[in-house]
Amino acid sequence: IAILGAGLDLKWLTSNVFDGKKIAYWGDMDTWGLLMLARSRQFRPDICPLLMSRSLFDLYSPNNAVPEPTVAQKDLPIGLNEEESCLYKHLLGLGKGRLEQEYIPEHEVKNALASWVHESSI
């Protein structure tokens, strides 16, 4: 299942239809994407982030990152793990702290999804 464009309206994650299911999250690498991940964890603590790492940002941002027009919030969102919190802080300090999903190469996406599906089935 793919759900697109839900923004911060994440209450749908409370539906019992998702109980017992493996759920992944992939958003833009910016403060808004990380805020959505953090808020998603309020409803689904086991949600698995995909393609939301500092190493991936550092790899593809030099030619693709753009300024984030408005930062989600200055404080760290509650619900991010340590690695995600570090990425959030890093993004706050950049002039170009937004890397949209479209700029992650197809092979990275395919590999991440295949790994997640494999790990979820174990």
N, C-alpha and C. Protein backbone atom coordinates (compact mmCIF):
# COMPACT_ATOMS: atom_id res chain seq x y z
N ILE A 1 0.86 -1.18 0.00
CA ILE A 1 0.00 0.00 0.00
C ILE A 1 0.89 1.22 0.00
N ALA A 2 0.57 2.18 -0.80
CA ALA A 2 1.27 3.46 -0.79
C ALA A 2 0.26 4.56 -0.50
N ILE A 3 0.62 5.44 0.40
CA ILE A 3 -0.25 6.57 0.73
C ILE A 3 0.55 7.82 0.48
N LEU A 4 0.03 8.67 -0.34
CA LEU A 4 0.76 9.87 -0.75
C LEU A 4 0.04 11.12 -0.30
N GLY A 5 0.81 12.12 0.05
CA GLY A 5 0.25 13.44 0.28
C GLY A 5 -0.62 13.59 1.50
N ALA A 6 -0.41 12.80 2.53
CA ALA A 6 -1.23 12.93 3.73
C ALA A 6 -0.79 14.10 4.60
N GLY A 7 0.43 14.57 4.40
CA GLY A 7 0.91 15.69 5.21
C GLY A 7 0.89 15.35 6.69
N LEU A 8 0.51 16.30 7.51
CA LEU A 8 0.48 16.08 8.95
C LEU A 8 -0.83 15.48 9.44
N ASP A 9 -1.75 15.20 8.54
CA ASP A 9 -3.02 14.56 8.90
C ASP A 9 -2.78 13.06 8.98
N LEU A 10 -2.25 12.61 10.11
CA LEU A 10 -1.80 11.23 10.25
C LEU A 10 -2.71 10.38 11.13
N LYS A 11 -3.85 10.90 11.51
CA LYS A 11 -4.77 10.17 12.39
C LYS A 11 -5.23 8.86 11.76
N TRP A 12 -5.20 8.77 10.44
CA TRP A 12 -5.62 7.54 9.76
C TRP A 12 -4.76 6.35 10.18
N LEU A 13 -3.56 6.62 10.70
CA LEU A 13 -2.69 5.53 11.16
C LEU A 13 -3.26 4.80 12.37
N THR A 14 -4.26 5.37 13.03
CA THR A 14 -4.86 4.72 14.20
C THR A 14 -5.83 3.61 13.81
N SER A 15 -6.16 3.52 12.54
CA SER A 15 -7.11 2.50 12.10
C SER A 15 -6.60 1.10 12.44
N ASN A 16 -7.51 0.28 12.94
CA ASN A 16 -7.11 -1.09 13.30
C ASN A 16 -6.79 -1.94 12.08
N VAL A 17 -7.07 -1.44 10.89
CA VAL A 17 -6.71 -2.18 9.68
C VAL A 17 -5.19 -2.36 9.59
N PHE A 18 -4.44 -1.48 10.25
CA PHE A 18 -2.98 -1.56 10.21
C PHE A 18 -2.40 -2.43 11.34
N ASP A 19 -3.23 -2.87 12.27
CA ASP A 19 -2.74 -3.70 13.37
C ASP A 19 -2.09 -4.97 12.82
N GLY A 20 -0.92 -5.27 13.31
CA GLY A 20 -0.21 -6.47 12.89
C GLY A 20 0.50 -6.33 11.55
N LYS A 21 0.43 -5.17 10.94
CA LYS A 21 1.07 -4.95 9.64
C LYS A 21 2.41 -4.23 9.82
N LYS A 22 3.31 -4.45 8.90
CA LYS A 22 4.58 -3.74 8.87
C LYS A 22 4.37 -2.47 8.06
N ILE A 23 4.74 -1.35 8.63
CA ILE A 23 4.53 -0.06 7.97
C ILE A 23 5.86 0.66 7.87
N ALA A 24 6.11 1.20 6.69
CA ALA A 24 7.32 1.98 6.45
C ALA A 24 6.93 3.41 6.13
N TYR A 25 7.86 4.32 6.36
CA TYR A 25 7.66 5.73 6.05
C TYR A 25 8.84 6.23 5.23
N TRP A 26 8.52 6.93 4.17
CA TRP A 26 9.54 7.59 3.37
C TRP A 26 9.02 8.97 3.01
N GLY A 27 9.70 9.97 3.50
CA GLY A 27 9.31 11.34 3.19
C GLY A 27 10.49 12.11 2.65
N ASP A 28 10.25 13.35 2.29
CA ASP A 28 11.35 14.22 1.90
C ASP A 28 12.32 14.34 3.06
N MET A 29 13.59 14.47 2.76
CA MET A 29 14.58 14.70 3.82
C MET A 29 14.64 16.20 4.06
N ASP A 30 13.78 16.62 4.96
CA ASP A 30 13.74 18.00 5.43
C ASP A 30 13.08 17.97 6.81
N THR A 31 12.94 19.11 7.42
CA THR A 31 12.38 19.12 8.78
C THR A 31 10.93 18.66 8.78
N TRP A 32 10.20 18.95 7.73
CA TRP A 32 8.80 18.52 7.66
C TRP A 32 8.70 17.00 7.53
N GLY A 33 9.54 16.41 6.69
CA GLY A 33 9.52 14.96 6.54
C GLY A 33 9.85 14.24 7.84
N LEU A 34 10.82 14.79 8.58
CA LEU A 34 11.18 14.19 9.86
C LEU A 34 10.11 14.43 10.92
N LEU A 35 9.46 15.60 10.88
CA LEU A 35 8.35 15.84 11.80
C LEU A 35 7.21 14.86 11.54
N MET A 36 6.91 14.59 10.27
CA MET A 36 5.86 13.62 9.94
C MET A 36 6.23 12.23 10.41
N LEU A 37 7.49 11.87 10.30
CA LEU A 37 7.95 10.58 10.80
C LEU A 37 7.74 10.51 12.32
N ALA A 38 8.16 11.55 13.01
CA ALA A 38 8.01 11.58 14.48
C ALA A 38 6.54 11.47 14.88
N ARG A 39 5.69 12.21 14.20
CA ARG A 39 4.26 12.16 14.54
C ARG A 39 3.63 10.82 14.17
N SER A 40 4.12 10.21 13.11
CA SER A 40 3.63 8.88 12.73
C SER A 40 3.89 7.88 13.85
N ARG A 41 5.01 8.04 14.51
CA ARG A 41 5.37 7.13 15.60
C ARG A 41 4.45 7.27 16.80
N GLN A 42 3.75 8.38 16.92
CA GLN A 42 2.77 8.53 18.00
C GLN A 42 1.66 7.51 17.84
N PHE A 43 1.34 7.18 16.59
CA PHE A 43 0.25 6.25 16.30
C PHE A 43 0.75 4.84 16.01
N ARG A 44 1.95 4.75 15.43
CA ARG A 44 2.54 3.46 15.06
C ARG A 44 4.02 3.47 15.46
N PRO A 45 4.30 3.16 16.72
CA PRO A 45 5.69 3.24 17.21
C PRO A 45 6.68 2.38 16.45
N ASP A 46 6.21 1.32 15.79
CA ASP A 46 7.12 0.42 15.07
C ASP A 46 7.33 0.81 13.62
N ILE A 47 6.85 1.97 13.21
CA ILE A 47 7.01 2.39 11.82
C ILE A 47 8.50 2.41 11.46
N CYS A 48 8.81 1.98 10.26
CA CYS A 48 10.21 1.86 9.83
C CYS A 48 10.53 2.94 8.80
N PRO A 49 11.44 3.85 9.14
CA PRO A 49 11.81 4.88 8.16
C PRO A 49 12.70 4.30 7.06
N LEU A 50 12.45 4.74 5.85
CA LEU A 50 13.25 4.32 4.70
C LEU A 50 13.86 5.56 4.05
N LEU A 51 15.12 5.45 3.66
CA LEU A 51 15.76 6.48 2.86
C LEU A 51 15.74 7.85 3.52
N MET A 52 15.91 7.87 4.85
CA MET A 52 15.85 9.12 5.61
C MET A 52 17.11 9.24 6.47
N SER A 53 18.28 9.03 5.89
CA SER A 53 19.52 9.02 6.67
C SER A 53 20.44 10.18 6.30
N ARG A 54 21.29 10.53 7.22
CA ARG A 54 22.28 11.59 6.99
C ARG A 54 23.22 11.19 5.85
N SER A 55 23.62 9.93 5.81
CA SER A 55 24.55 9.50 4.77
C SER A 55 23.92 9.65 3.38
N LEU A 56 22.66 9.33 3.26
CA LEU A 56 21.98 9.47 1.98
C LEU A 56 21.82 10.96 1.63
N PHE A 57 21.48 11.76 2.63
CA PHE A 57 21.38 13.20 2.40
C PHE A 57 22.71 13.76 1.91
N ASP A 58 23.78 13.40 2.61
CA ASP A 58 25.10 13.91 2.25
C ASP A 58 25.53 13.46 0.85
N LEU A 59 25.10 12.27 0.45
CA LEU A 59 25.47 11.74 -0.85
C LEU A 59 24.78 12.48 -2.00
N TYR A 60 23.50 12.78 -1.82
CA TYR A 60 22.73 13.33 -2.94
C TYR A 60 22.39 14.82 -2.81
N SER A 61 22.69 15.42 -1.70
CA SER A 61 22.34 16.83 -1.53
C SER A 61 23.23 17.82 -2.29
N PRO A 62 24.52 17.54 -2.51
CA PRO A 62 25.34 18.56 -3.16
C PRO A 62 24.76 19.11 -4.47
N ASN A 63 24.16 18.28 -5.28
CA ASN A 63 23.61 18.75 -6.55
C ASN A 63 22.09 18.88 -6.55
N ASN A 64 21.44 18.46 -5.45
CA ASN A 64 19.98 18.38 -5.48
C ASN A 64 19.24 19.07 -4.35
N ALA A 65 19.91 19.40 -3.28
CA ALA A 65 19.22 20.02 -2.15
C ALA A 65 18.85 21.46 -2.48
N VAL A 66 17.76 21.90 -1.88
CA VAL A 66 17.28 23.26 -2.06
C VAL A 66 16.97 23.85 -0.69
N PRO A 67 16.82 25.17 -0.63
CA PRO A 67 16.42 25.77 0.65
C PRO A 67 15.03 25.28 1.06
N GLU A 68 14.85 25.09 2.34
CA GLU A 68 13.53 24.73 2.86
C GLU A 68 12.81 26.05 3.15
N PRO A 69 11.70 26.32 2.45
CA PRO A 69 11.05 27.62 2.59
C PRO A 69 10.67 27.98 4.03
N THR A 70 10.13 27.02 4.75
CA THR A 70 9.74 27.22 6.14
C THR A 70 10.13 25.98 6.92
N VAL A 71 10.84 26.17 8.00
CA VAL A 71 11.24 25.05 8.86
C VAL A 71 10.03 24.60 9.67
N ALA A 72 9.89 23.30 9.85
CA ALA A 72 8.75 22.75 10.59
C ALA A 72 8.70 23.30 12.01
N GLN A 73 9.82 23.19 12.72
CA GLN A 73 9.94 23.74 14.08
C GLN A 73 11.40 23.75 14.46
N LYS A 74 11.75 24.64 15.36
CA LYS A 74 13.16 24.77 15.78
C LYS A 74 13.55 23.67 16.76
N ASP A 75 12.62 23.27 17.61
CA ASP A 75 12.89 22.21 18.59
C ASP A 75 12.80 20.84 17.92
N LEU A 76 13.57 19.90 18.46
CA LEU A 76 13.52 18.54 17.94
C LEU A 76 12.13 17.95 18.17
N PRO A 77 11.55 17.35 17.15
CA PRO A 77 10.27 16.69 17.35
C PRO A 77 10.40 15.49 18.28
N ILE A 78 9.45 15.31 19.14
CA ILE A 78 9.41 14.13 20.01
C ILE A 78 9.07 12.93 19.15
N GLY A 79 9.87 11.88 19.27
CA GLY A 79 9.60 10.66 18.52
C GLY A 79 10.70 10.28 17.55
N LEU A 80 11.68 11.17 17.37
CA LEU A 80 12.81 10.82 16.51
C LEU A 80 13.84 10.05 17.32
N ASN A 81 14.49 9.09 16.68
CA ASN A 81 15.58 8.41 17.37
C ASN A 81 16.84 9.29 17.30
N GLU A 82 17.94 8.80 17.85
CA GLU A 82 19.16 9.61 17.92
C GLU A 82 19.68 9.99 16.53
N GLU A 83 19.73 9.04 15.63
CA GLU A 83 20.23 9.31 14.28
C GLU A 83 19.35 10.33 13.56
N GLU A 84 18.04 10.17 13.69
CA GLU A 84 17.10 11.09 13.05
C GLU A 84 17.18 12.48 13.67
N SER A 85 17.37 12.53 14.98
CA SER A 85 17.51 13.82 15.67
C SER A 85 18.77 14.54 15.19
N CYS A 86 19.84 13.81 15.00
CA CYS A 86 21.08 14.41 14.47
C CYS A 86 20.87 14.95 13.06
N LEU A 87 20.14 14.21 12.23
CA LEU A 87 19.84 14.68 10.89
C LEU A 87 19.00 15.95 10.96
N TYR A 88 18.00 15.96 11.82
CA TYR A 88 17.14 17.13 11.97
C TYR A 88 17.97 18.37 12.33
N LYS A 89 18.83 18.22 13.33
CA LYS A 89 19.69 19.34 13.75
C LYS A 89 20.60 19.79 12.61
N HIS A 90 21.13 18.83 11.88
CA HIS A 90 22.00 19.14 10.74
C HIS A 90 21.24 19.96 9.70
N LEU A 91 20.03 19.54 9.39
CA LEU A 91 19.23 20.23 8.38
C LEU A 91 18.92 21.66 8.81
N LEU A 92 18.69 21.87 10.09
CA LEU A 92 18.39 23.22 10.60
C LEU A 92 19.54 24.19 10.33
N GLY A 93 20.75 23.67 10.30
CA GLY A 93 21.91 24.53 10.12
C GLY A 93 22.33 24.76 8.68
N LEU A 94 21.58 24.21 7.75
CA LEU A 94 21.97 24.32 6.34
C LEU A 94 21.16 25.38 5.59
N GLY A 95 21.79 26.00 4.63
CA GLY A 95 21.07 26.90 3.74
C GLY A 95 20.21 26.13 2.76
N LYS A 96 20.65 24.92 2.43
CA LYS A 96 19.89 24.03 1.53
C LYS A 96 19.63 22.73 2.28
N GLY A 97 18.62 22.75 3.11
CA GLY A 97 18.31 21.61 3.98
C GLY A 97 17.11 20.81 3.57
N ARG A 98 16.82 20.77 2.28
CA ARG A 98 15.66 20.01 1.79
C ARG A 98 16.08 19.17 0.58
N LEU A 99 15.95 17.86 0.72
CA LEU A 99 16.21 16.94 -0.38
C LEU A 99 14.92 16.17 -0.64
N GLU A 100 14.31 16.48 -1.76
CA GLU A 100 13.03 15.86 -2.09
C GLU A 100 13.23 14.43 -2.58
N GLN A 101 12.21 13.62 -2.36
CA GLN A 101 12.25 12.20 -2.70
C GLN A 101 12.63 11.96 -4.16
N GLU A 102 12.18 12.82 -5.03
CA GLU A 102 12.41 12.62 -6.46
C GLU A 102 13.88 12.59 -6.83
N TYR A 103 14.73 13.11 -5.95
CA TYR A 103 16.15 13.18 -6.26
C TYR A 103 16.96 12.00 -5.71
N ILE A 104 16.28 11.05 -5.13
CA ILE A 104 16.94 9.82 -4.71
C ILE A 104 16.87 8.87 -5.91
N PRO A 105 18.00 8.38 -6.39
CA PRO A 105 18.00 7.52 -7.58
C PRO A 105 17.16 6.25 -7.40
N GLU A 106 16.60 5.82 -8.51
CA GLU A 106 15.72 4.65 -8.52
C GLU A 106 16.37 3.42 -7.88
N HIS A 107 17.66 3.21 -8.14
CA HIS A 107 18.30 2.02 -7.59
C HIS A 107 18.34 2.07 -6.06
N GLU A 108 18.48 3.25 -5.49
CA GLU A 108 18.46 3.38 -4.02
C GLU A 108 17.09 3.02 -3.47
N VAL A 109 16.06 3.50 -4.15
CA VAL A 109 14.69 3.23 -3.71
C VAL A 109 14.38 1.74 -3.81
N LYS A 110 14.72 1.14 -4.93
CA LYS A 110 14.47 -0.29 -5.10
C LYS A 110 15.20 -1.12 -4.06
N ASN A 111 16.46 -0.78 -3.81
CA ASN A 111 17.25 -1.52 -2.81
C ASN A 111 16.66 -1.38 -1.41
N ALA A 112 16.28 -0.16 -1.06
CA ALA A 112 15.71 0.07 0.27
C ALA A 112 14.39 -0.68 0.45
N LEU A 113 13.54 -0.63 -0.56
CA LEU A 113 12.26 -1.33 -0.47
C LEU A 113 12.46 -2.85 -0.42
N ALA A 114 13.36 -3.36 -1.24
CA ALA A 114 13.60 -4.81 -1.24
C ALA A 114 14.18 -5.26 0.11
N SER A 115 15.08 -4.47 0.67
CA SER A 115 15.63 -4.82 1.99
C SER A 115 14.56 -4.80 3.06
N TRP A 116 13.71 -3.78 3.02
CA TRP A 116 12.65 -3.68 4.02
C TRP A 116 11.68 -4.85 3.90
N VAL A 117 11.28 -5.19 2.68
CA VAL A 117 10.35 -6.31 2.47
C VAL A 117 11.00 -7.60 2.98
N HIS A 118 12.28 -7.80 2.66
CA HIS A 118 12.97 -9.01 3.11
C HIS A 118 13.04 -9.06 4.64
N GLU A 119 13.44 -7.96 5.27
CA GLU A 119 13.54 -7.92 6.73
C GLU A 119 12.18 -8.06 7.40
N SER A 120 11.15 -7.52 6.76
CA SER A 120 9.79 -7.61 7.33
C SER A 120 9.23 -9.01 7.27
N SER A 121 9.73 -9.80 6.35
CA SER A 121 9.20 -11.15 6.20
C SER A 121 9.93 -12.18 7.06
N ILE A 122 10.98 -11.75 7.73
CA ILE A 122 11.76 -12.69 8.56
C ILE A 122 11.09 -12.86 9.90
